[in-house]
N, C-alpha and C. Protein backbone atom coordinates (compact mmCIF):
# COMPACT_ATOMS: atom_id res chain seq x y z
N GLN A 1 75.63 96.02 52.42
CA GLN A 1 75.07 96.28 53.72
C GLN A 1 73.56 96.23 53.66
N VAL A 2 72.96 95.88 54.76
CA VAL A 2 71.50 95.78 54.85
C VAL A 2 70.95 97.04 55.49
N GLN A 3 69.89 97.57 54.91
CA GLN A 3 69.21 98.73 55.48
C GLN A 3 67.72 98.46 55.58
N LEU A 4 67.12 98.89 56.68
CA LEU A 4 65.67 98.87 56.86
C LEU A 4 65.24 100.31 57.09
N VAL A 5 64.34 100.80 56.26
CA VAL A 5 63.93 102.19 56.35
C VAL A 5 62.41 102.26 56.50
N GLU A 6 61.98 102.82 57.66
CA GLU A 6 60.56 102.96 57.93
C GLU A 6 60.03 104.30 57.43
N SER A 7 58.74 104.33 57.15
CA SER A 7 58.07 105.58 56.79
C SER A 7 56.60 105.44 57.15
N GLY A 8 55.89 106.58 57.13
CA GLY A 8 54.46 106.56 57.35
C GLY A 8 53.99 107.03 58.71
N GLY A 9 54.94 107.33 59.60
CA GLY A 9 54.53 107.82 60.91
C GLY A 9 54.01 109.25 60.82
N GLY A 10 53.49 109.72 61.95
CA GLY A 10 52.98 111.09 61.99
C GLY A 10 52.04 111.31 63.14
N LEU A 11 51.33 112.42 63.07
CA LEU A 11 50.36 112.81 64.09
C LEU A 11 48.95 112.48 63.58
N VAL A 12 48.18 111.79 64.41
CA VAL A 12 46.83 111.41 64.02
C VAL A 12 45.91 111.54 65.23
N GLN A 13 44.65 111.84 64.98
CA GLN A 13 43.68 111.97 66.08
C GLN A 13 43.24 110.59 66.55
N PRO A 14 42.81 110.49 67.80
CA PRO A 14 42.27 109.21 68.28
C PRO A 14 41.15 108.71 67.37
N GLY A 15 41.19 107.40 67.09
CA GLY A 15 40.23 106.81 66.18
C GLY A 15 40.69 106.80 64.74
N GLY A 16 41.78 107.49 64.45
CA GLY A 16 42.29 107.57 63.10
C GLY A 16 43.14 106.37 62.71
N SER A 17 43.71 106.45 61.50
CA SER A 17 44.50 105.35 60.95
C SER A 17 45.82 105.85 60.40
N LEU A 18 46.79 104.97 60.41
CA LEU A 18 48.08 105.21 59.76
C LEU A 18 48.56 103.89 59.18
N ARG A 19 49.36 103.98 58.13
CA ARG A 19 49.98 102.79 57.57
C ARG A 19 51.49 103.00 57.54
N LEU A 20 52.20 102.16 58.25
CA LEU A 20 53.65 102.20 58.28
C LEU A 20 54.21 101.26 57.23
N SER A 21 55.35 101.64 56.67
CA SER A 21 56.07 100.79 55.73
C SER A 21 57.51 100.66 56.16
N CYS A 22 58.12 99.54 55.80
CA CYS A 22 59.54 99.30 56.10
C CYS A 22 60.14 98.61 54.88
N VAL A 23 61.03 99.31 54.20
CA VAL A 23 61.66 98.76 53.00
C VAL A 23 63.05 98.23 53.34
N VAL A 24 63.30 97.01 52.92
CA VAL A 24 64.59 96.36 53.16
C VAL A 24 65.42 96.42 51.89
N SER A 25 66.67 96.80 52.01
CA SER A 25 67.56 96.86 50.85
C SER A 25 68.92 96.31 51.22
N GLY A 26 69.70 95.96 50.19
CA GLY A 26 71.03 95.44 50.42
C GLY A 26 71.23 94.09 49.79
N SER A 27 72.26 93.41 50.21
CA SER A 27 72.64 92.11 49.66
C SER A 27 71.83 91.01 50.34
N ILE A 28 70.55 90.93 50.00
CA ILE A 28 69.60 90.07 50.70
C ILE A 28 69.47 88.71 50.02
N PHE A 29 69.73 87.64 50.75
CA PHE A 29 69.47 86.30 50.24
C PHE A 29 68.05 85.86 50.59
N SER A 30 67.67 86.06 51.84
CA SER A 30 66.30 85.74 52.26
C SER A 30 65.95 86.51 53.53
N ILE A 31 64.65 86.70 53.71
CA ILE A 31 64.14 87.36 54.90
C ILE A 31 63.18 86.41 55.58
N ASP A 32 63.46 86.04 56.82
CA ASP A 32 62.60 85.12 57.55
C ASP A 32 61.53 85.92 58.29
N VAL A 33 61.46 85.81 59.58
CA VAL A 33 60.43 86.52 60.33
C VAL A 33 60.71 88.03 60.32
N MET A 34 59.65 88.80 60.15
CA MET A 34 59.75 90.25 60.29
C MET A 34 58.78 90.69 61.38
N ALA A 35 59.09 91.83 61.97
CA ALA A 35 58.28 92.27 63.11
C ALA A 35 58.26 93.78 63.23
N TRP A 36 57.24 94.27 63.90
CA TRP A 36 57.17 95.66 64.33
C TRP A 36 57.27 95.70 65.85
N TYR A 37 58.10 96.61 66.34
CA TYR A 37 58.22 96.88 67.76
C TYR A 37 57.86 98.35 67.98
N ARG A 38 57.57 98.68 69.22
CA ARG A 38 57.37 100.09 69.56
C ARG A 38 57.91 100.37 70.94
N GLN A 39 58.29 101.63 71.13
CA GLN A 39 58.79 102.05 72.44
C GLN A 39 58.26 103.44 72.74
N ALA A 40 57.50 103.53 73.83
CA ALA A 40 56.97 104.81 74.29
C ALA A 40 57.95 105.41 75.29
N PRO A 41 57.90 106.72 75.46
CA PRO A 41 58.83 107.38 76.40
C PRO A 41 58.71 106.78 77.80
N GLY A 42 59.86 106.42 78.38
CA GLY A 42 59.88 105.89 79.73
C GLY A 42 59.43 104.44 79.86
N LYS A 43 59.18 103.79 78.72
CA LYS A 43 58.71 102.40 78.77
C LYS A 43 59.67 101.50 78.01
N GLN A 44 59.57 100.19 78.30
CA GLN A 44 60.39 99.22 77.59
C GLN A 44 59.84 99.00 76.17
N ARG A 45 60.74 98.56 75.30
CA ARG A 45 60.32 98.24 73.94
C ARG A 45 59.34 97.07 73.98
N GLU A 46 58.31 97.16 73.15
CA GLU A 46 57.23 96.18 73.13
C GLU A 46 57.10 95.58 71.73
N LEU A 47 56.96 94.26 71.67
CA LEU A 47 56.70 93.59 70.40
C LEU A 47 55.24 93.82 70.02
N VAL A 48 55.01 94.36 68.83
CA VAL A 48 53.66 94.68 68.40
C VAL A 48 53.05 93.55 67.57
N ALA A 49 53.81 93.10 66.55
CA ALA A 49 53.29 92.08 65.65
C ALA A 49 54.44 91.44 64.89
N THR A 50 54.22 90.18 64.46
CA THR A 50 55.20 89.47 63.66
C THR A 50 54.53 88.84 62.45
N VAL A 51 55.33 88.59 61.41
CA VAL A 51 54.83 87.88 60.24
C VAL A 51 55.96 87.04 59.66
N THR A 52 55.65 85.78 59.36
CA THR A 52 56.65 84.91 58.76
C THR A 52 56.70 85.12 57.25
N SER A 53 57.67 84.49 56.61
CA SER A 53 57.77 84.61 55.15
C SER A 53 56.55 83.97 54.47
N GLY A 54 55.91 83.06 55.16
CA GLY A 54 54.72 82.41 54.62
C GLY A 54 53.43 83.14 54.92
N GLY A 55 53.52 84.21 55.74
CA GLY A 55 52.34 85.02 56.01
C GLY A 55 51.65 84.76 57.34
N SER A 56 52.17 83.88 58.16
CA SER A 56 51.58 83.66 59.47
C SER A 56 51.88 84.84 60.38
N THR A 57 50.87 85.26 61.14
CA THR A 57 51.01 86.48 61.94
C THR A 57 50.72 86.24 63.41
N THR A 58 51.29 87.09 64.26
CA THR A 58 50.97 87.15 65.67
C THR A 58 50.85 88.62 66.06
N TYR A 59 50.06 88.88 67.12
CA TYR A 59 49.84 90.25 67.57
C TYR A 59 49.89 90.33 69.09
N ALA A 60 50.34 91.48 69.58
CA ALA A 60 50.21 91.77 71.00
C ALA A 60 48.72 91.93 71.31
N ASP A 61 48.32 91.55 72.51
CA ASP A 61 46.91 91.66 72.89
C ASP A 61 46.42 93.09 72.77
N SER A 62 47.28 94.05 73.03
CA SER A 62 46.89 95.45 73.04
C SER A 62 46.52 95.99 71.66
N VAL A 63 46.91 95.28 70.59
CA VAL A 63 46.62 95.78 69.24
C VAL A 63 45.75 94.84 68.42
N LYS A 64 45.43 93.67 68.97
CA LYS A 64 44.61 92.69 68.24
C LYS A 64 43.28 93.31 67.81
N GLY A 65 42.94 93.08 66.56
CA GLY A 65 41.68 93.60 66.04
C GLY A 65 41.77 95.03 65.52
N ARG A 66 42.88 95.70 65.80
CA ARG A 66 43.06 97.09 65.34
C ARG A 66 44.21 97.22 64.35
N PHE A 67 45.27 96.45 64.54
CA PHE A 67 46.45 96.53 63.69
C PHE A 67 46.53 95.29 62.79
N THR A 68 47.07 95.48 61.59
CA THR A 68 47.28 94.37 60.66
C THR A 68 48.69 94.45 60.10
N ILE A 69 49.46 93.38 60.30
CA ILE A 69 50.81 93.31 59.76
C ILE A 69 50.76 92.51 58.47
N SER A 70 51.56 92.93 57.49
CA SER A 70 51.64 92.21 56.22
C SER A 70 52.99 92.48 55.58
N ARG A 71 53.30 91.72 54.57
CA ARG A 71 54.57 91.91 53.88
C ARG A 71 54.42 91.59 52.41
N ASP A 72 55.23 92.24 51.60
CA ASP A 72 55.31 91.95 50.17
C ASP A 72 56.73 91.44 49.94
N ASN A 73 56.86 90.12 49.81
CA ASN A 73 58.19 89.53 49.70
C ASN A 73 58.92 89.98 48.45
N ALA A 74 58.21 90.17 47.36
CA ALA A 74 58.85 90.59 46.12
C ALA A 74 59.42 92.00 46.24
N LYS A 75 58.73 92.84 46.98
CA LYS A 75 59.20 94.23 47.16
C LYS A 75 60.06 94.38 48.40
N LYS A 76 60.23 93.28 49.16
CA LYS A 76 61.01 93.33 50.39
C LYS A 76 60.51 94.46 51.30
N THR A 77 59.21 94.50 51.46
CA THR A 77 58.58 95.57 52.23
C THR A 77 57.63 94.99 53.28
N LEU A 78 57.71 95.56 54.46
CA LEU A 78 56.86 95.19 55.59
C LEU A 78 55.88 96.33 55.84
N TYR A 79 54.65 96.00 56.20
CA TYR A 79 53.63 97.01 56.46
C TYR A 79 53.00 96.81 57.84
N LEU A 80 52.46 97.91 58.37
CA LEU A 80 51.63 97.82 59.56
C LEU A 80 50.47 98.79 59.38
N GLN A 81 49.29 98.25 59.15
CA GLN A 81 48.08 99.05 59.07
C GLN A 81 47.53 99.22 60.47
N MET A 82 47.42 100.47 60.92
CA MET A 82 46.98 100.75 62.27
C MET A 82 45.66 101.51 62.21
N ASP A 83 44.61 100.91 62.70
CA ASP A 83 43.28 101.52 62.72
C ASP A 83 42.82 101.72 64.16
N SER A 84 41.80 102.55 64.33
CA SER A 84 41.24 102.82 65.66
C SER A 84 42.33 103.18 66.66
N LEU A 85 43.20 104.06 66.25
CA LEU A 85 44.35 104.40 67.08
C LEU A 85 43.93 105.08 68.37
N LYS A 86 44.70 104.79 69.42
CA LYS A 86 44.46 105.33 70.75
C LYS A 86 45.68 106.12 71.21
N PRO A 87 45.51 107.05 72.13
CA PRO A 87 46.67 107.79 72.64
C PRO A 87 47.77 106.88 73.17
N GLU A 88 47.39 105.75 73.74
CA GLU A 88 48.41 104.83 74.27
C GLU A 88 49.19 104.11 73.19
N ASP A 89 48.83 104.30 71.92
CA ASP A 89 49.62 103.75 70.82
C ASP A 89 50.79 104.68 70.46
N THR A 90 50.85 105.85 71.07
CA THR A 90 51.93 106.79 70.80
C THR A 90 53.27 106.18 71.17
N ALA A 91 54.20 106.15 70.21
CA ALA A 91 55.51 105.53 70.42
C ALA A 91 56.35 105.69 69.15
N VAL A 92 57.61 105.33 69.28
CA VAL A 92 58.47 105.16 68.11
C VAL A 92 58.33 103.71 67.66
N TYR A 93 57.95 103.53 66.40
CA TYR A 93 57.74 102.19 65.84
C TYR A 93 58.94 101.83 64.98
N SER A 94 59.49 100.63 65.23
CA SER A 94 60.67 100.17 64.50
C SER A 94 60.40 98.81 63.89
N CYS A 95 60.94 98.60 62.70
CA CYS A 95 60.80 97.29 62.08
C CYS A 95 62.07 96.48 62.32
N ASN A 96 61.89 95.18 62.30
CA ASN A 96 62.97 94.24 62.57
C ASN A 96 62.84 93.08 61.59
N GLY A 97 63.96 92.61 61.08
CA GLY A 97 63.92 91.48 60.17
C GLY A 97 65.03 90.49 60.49
N ASP A 98 64.69 89.21 60.38
CA ASP A 98 65.65 88.13 60.55
C ASP A 98 66.16 87.79 59.15
N ILE A 99 67.37 88.23 58.81
CA ILE A 99 67.81 88.29 57.42
C ILE A 99 69.09 87.50 57.18
N ARG A 100 69.09 86.79 56.04
CA ARG A 100 70.33 86.14 55.57
C ARG A 100 70.83 86.94 54.38
N THR A 101 72.10 87.29 54.41
CA THR A 101 72.71 87.98 53.28
C THR A 101 73.47 86.99 52.42
N TYR A 102 73.84 87.43 51.21
CA TYR A 102 74.64 86.57 50.35
C TYR A 102 76.02 86.31 50.96
N GLU A 103 76.47 87.20 51.82
CA GLU A 103 77.76 87.02 52.47
C GLU A 103 77.67 86.05 53.65
N SER A 104 76.43 85.77 54.10
CA SER A 104 76.24 84.89 55.26
C SER A 104 74.95 84.10 55.09
N ILE A 105 74.92 83.24 54.08
CA ILE A 105 73.69 82.50 53.76
C ILE A 105 73.31 81.52 54.86
N SER A 106 74.30 80.93 55.50
CA SER A 106 74.01 79.87 56.47
C SER A 106 73.54 80.39 57.82
N ARG A 107 73.66 81.67 58.03
CA ARG A 107 73.31 82.20 59.36
C ARG A 107 72.58 83.53 59.22
N SER A 108 71.42 83.59 59.82
CA SER A 108 70.65 84.84 59.79
C SER A 108 70.99 85.68 61.01
N ARG A 109 70.73 86.95 60.90
CA ARG A 109 70.86 87.84 62.05
C ARG A 109 69.77 88.90 61.98
N ALA A 110 69.55 89.53 63.12
CA ALA A 110 68.49 90.53 63.20
C ALA A 110 69.01 91.90 62.79
N TYR A 111 68.22 92.57 61.97
CA TYR A 111 68.52 93.94 61.55
C TYR A 111 67.35 94.83 61.96
N TRP A 112 67.67 96.09 62.25
CA TRP A 112 66.67 97.04 62.73
C TRP A 112 66.64 98.29 61.86
N GLY A 113 65.43 98.87 61.75
CA GLY A 113 65.30 100.18 61.16
C GLY A 113 65.54 101.26 62.21
N GLN A 114 65.50 102.51 61.77
CA GLN A 114 65.82 103.61 62.67
C GLN A 114 64.60 104.07 63.47
N GLY A 115 63.42 103.68 63.04
CA GLY A 115 62.20 104.03 63.76
C GLY A 115 61.46 105.21 63.15
N THR A 116 60.15 105.21 63.37
CA THR A 116 59.31 106.32 62.92
C THR A 116 58.33 106.66 64.04
N GLN A 117 58.15 107.94 64.27
CA GLN A 117 57.31 108.40 65.39
C GLN A 117 55.84 108.37 65.01
N VAL A 118 55.05 107.78 65.88
CA VAL A 118 53.59 107.81 65.76
C VAL A 118 53.04 108.51 67.00
N THR A 119 52.28 109.57 66.79
CA THR A 119 51.68 110.32 67.89
C THR A 119 50.18 110.36 67.69
N VAL A 120 49.44 109.88 68.69
CA VAL A 120 47.98 109.88 68.64
C VAL A 120 47.49 110.87 69.68
N SER A 121 46.93 111.96 69.19
CA SER A 121 46.52 113.04 70.09
C SER A 121 45.48 113.92 69.41
N SER A 122 44.58 114.46 70.23
CA SER A 122 43.60 115.40 69.71
C SER A 122 44.09 116.84 69.86
């Protein structure tokens, strides 16, 4: 079975930084695109950033210049460095991966982590 486990969330003051991690485990053949999403109370889930296996990245306009997505393919770990945090960044952050398992090499599917809470408040 495939598991994605996030860590690194918490309470931080405006202007502060946090680094989220997402470790992938299981019968993994390959991991294609990985992404961070977030969902604030009463709002729809929002795509924050994506990174391909080759390292190409995209960002939501709301986080450009403040957040950095990266991955360590050898460690099967996804990161999100969040700097200059604002109260509006408060949300549950979840990682997502487009993954092929050894049981299904020809077809990838999306897997999700359980989420980690990020709260930006003074």
